[in-house]
Protein backbone atom coordinates (compact mmCIF):
# COMPACT_ATOMS: atom_id res chain seq x y z
CA MET A 1 124.71 145.74 152.35
CA PHE A 2 126.12 145.64 148.86
CA GLU A 3 124.97 144.90 145.34
CA ASP A 4 126.85 143.11 142.59
CA PRO A 5 126.08 141.48 139.23
CA TYR A 6 124.75 138.00 140.03
CA LEU A 7 126.38 134.92 138.54
CA GLY A 8 123.06 133.03 138.47
CA ASP A 9 121.47 135.63 136.20
CA VAL A 10 124.52 135.78 133.92
CA ILE A 11 124.33 132.02 133.38
CA GLU A 12 120.53 131.83 133.13
CA LYS A 13 120.28 134.72 130.66
CA THR A 14 123.56 133.88 128.87
CA SER A 15 124.60 137.49 129.35
CA TYR A 16 128.31 136.79 129.21
CA ASP A 17 128.90 140.37 128.13
CA GLN A 18 128.90 141.11 131.90
CA PHE A 19 132.51 139.87 132.00
CA TYR A 20 134.55 143.00 131.40
CA ASP A 21 137.24 145.03 133.11
CA GLU A 22 134.96 146.49 135.81
CA HIS A 23 133.37 143.13 136.71
CA VAL A 24 136.23 140.66 136.76
CA PHE A 25 134.54 138.64 139.52
CA LEU A 26 130.91 137.51 139.62
CA PHE A 27 129.45 135.99 142.77
CA SER A 28 126.73 133.51 143.68
CA VAL A 29 124.73 133.24 146.89
CA ALA A 30 126.85 130.20 147.80
CA SER A 31 130.17 132.01 147.32
CA ILE A 32 129.07 135.08 149.29
CA SER A 33 127.69 132.88 152.06
CA TYR A 34 130.96 130.94 152.27
CA LEU A 35 133.06 134.10 152.32
CA PHE A 36 131.16 135.78 155.14
CA GLU A 37 130.82 132.59 157.21
CA GLN A 38 134.62 132.63 157.45
CA HIS A 39 134.22 135.85 159.47
CA GLY A 40 131.30 134.92 161.74
CA MET A 41 128.71 136.57 159.50
CA GLU A 42 125.75 135.40 157.42
CA ILE A 43 123.42 136.57 154.68
CA ILE A 44 120.27 137.89 156.35
CA ASP A 45 118.44 139.05 153.22
CA LEU A 46 118.69 138.84 149.45
CA GLU A 47 116.99 141.17 146.98
CA PRO A 48 117.25 140.40 143.25
CA GLN A 49 117.70 143.53 141.14
CA GLU A 50 117.25 144.24 137.43
CA THR A 51 120.42 146.35 137.22
CA HIS A 52 123.03 145.11 134.69
CA GLY A 53 120.63 142.43 133.49
CA GLY A 54 120.53 140.84 136.91
CA SER A 55 122.19 141.85 140.15
CA MET A 56 121.79 140.72 143.72
CA ARG A 57 121.59 142.94 146.78
CA TYR A 58 123.12 141.17 149.77
CA VAL A 59 122.39 142.14 153.36
CA ILE A 60 124.98 140.72 155.75
CA GLY A 61 124.98 140.60 159.56
CA LEU A 62 126.67 138.89 162.48
CA LYS A 63 125.70 135.22 162.60
CA GLY A 64 122.69 134.70 164.88
CA ALA A 65 122.21 138.40 165.63
CA HIS A 66 119.43 139.09 163.11
CA HIS A 67 116.30 137.48 161.72
CA VAL A 68 117.13 135.72 158.44
CA SER A 69 114.64 136.50 155.68
CA PRO A 70 112.90 133.57 153.94
CA ASN A 71 114.39 135.02 150.72
CA VAL A 72 117.75 133.56 151.70
CA ALA A 73 116.57 129.93 151.70
CA ALA A 74 114.38 130.44 148.62
CA LEU A 75 117.11 132.04 146.52
CA SER A 76 119.84 129.71 147.78
CA GLU A 77 118.10 126.77 146.14
């Protein structure tokens, strides 16, 4: 589980001030999904957060080992 500023919120809210030395990279659900699929893992839950004007909490697990929350499909769209 980890949480990071969410690219979707930065674009939607035009909060480009999120790009600074501590947050050089911003991720989307698609990019995180792609990254972890390369290692036999998948997103099993997503929880939008209000922190930093919009962050996403990602819950990752081994592919096929956990129930995947409906939040994943809903927020992936």
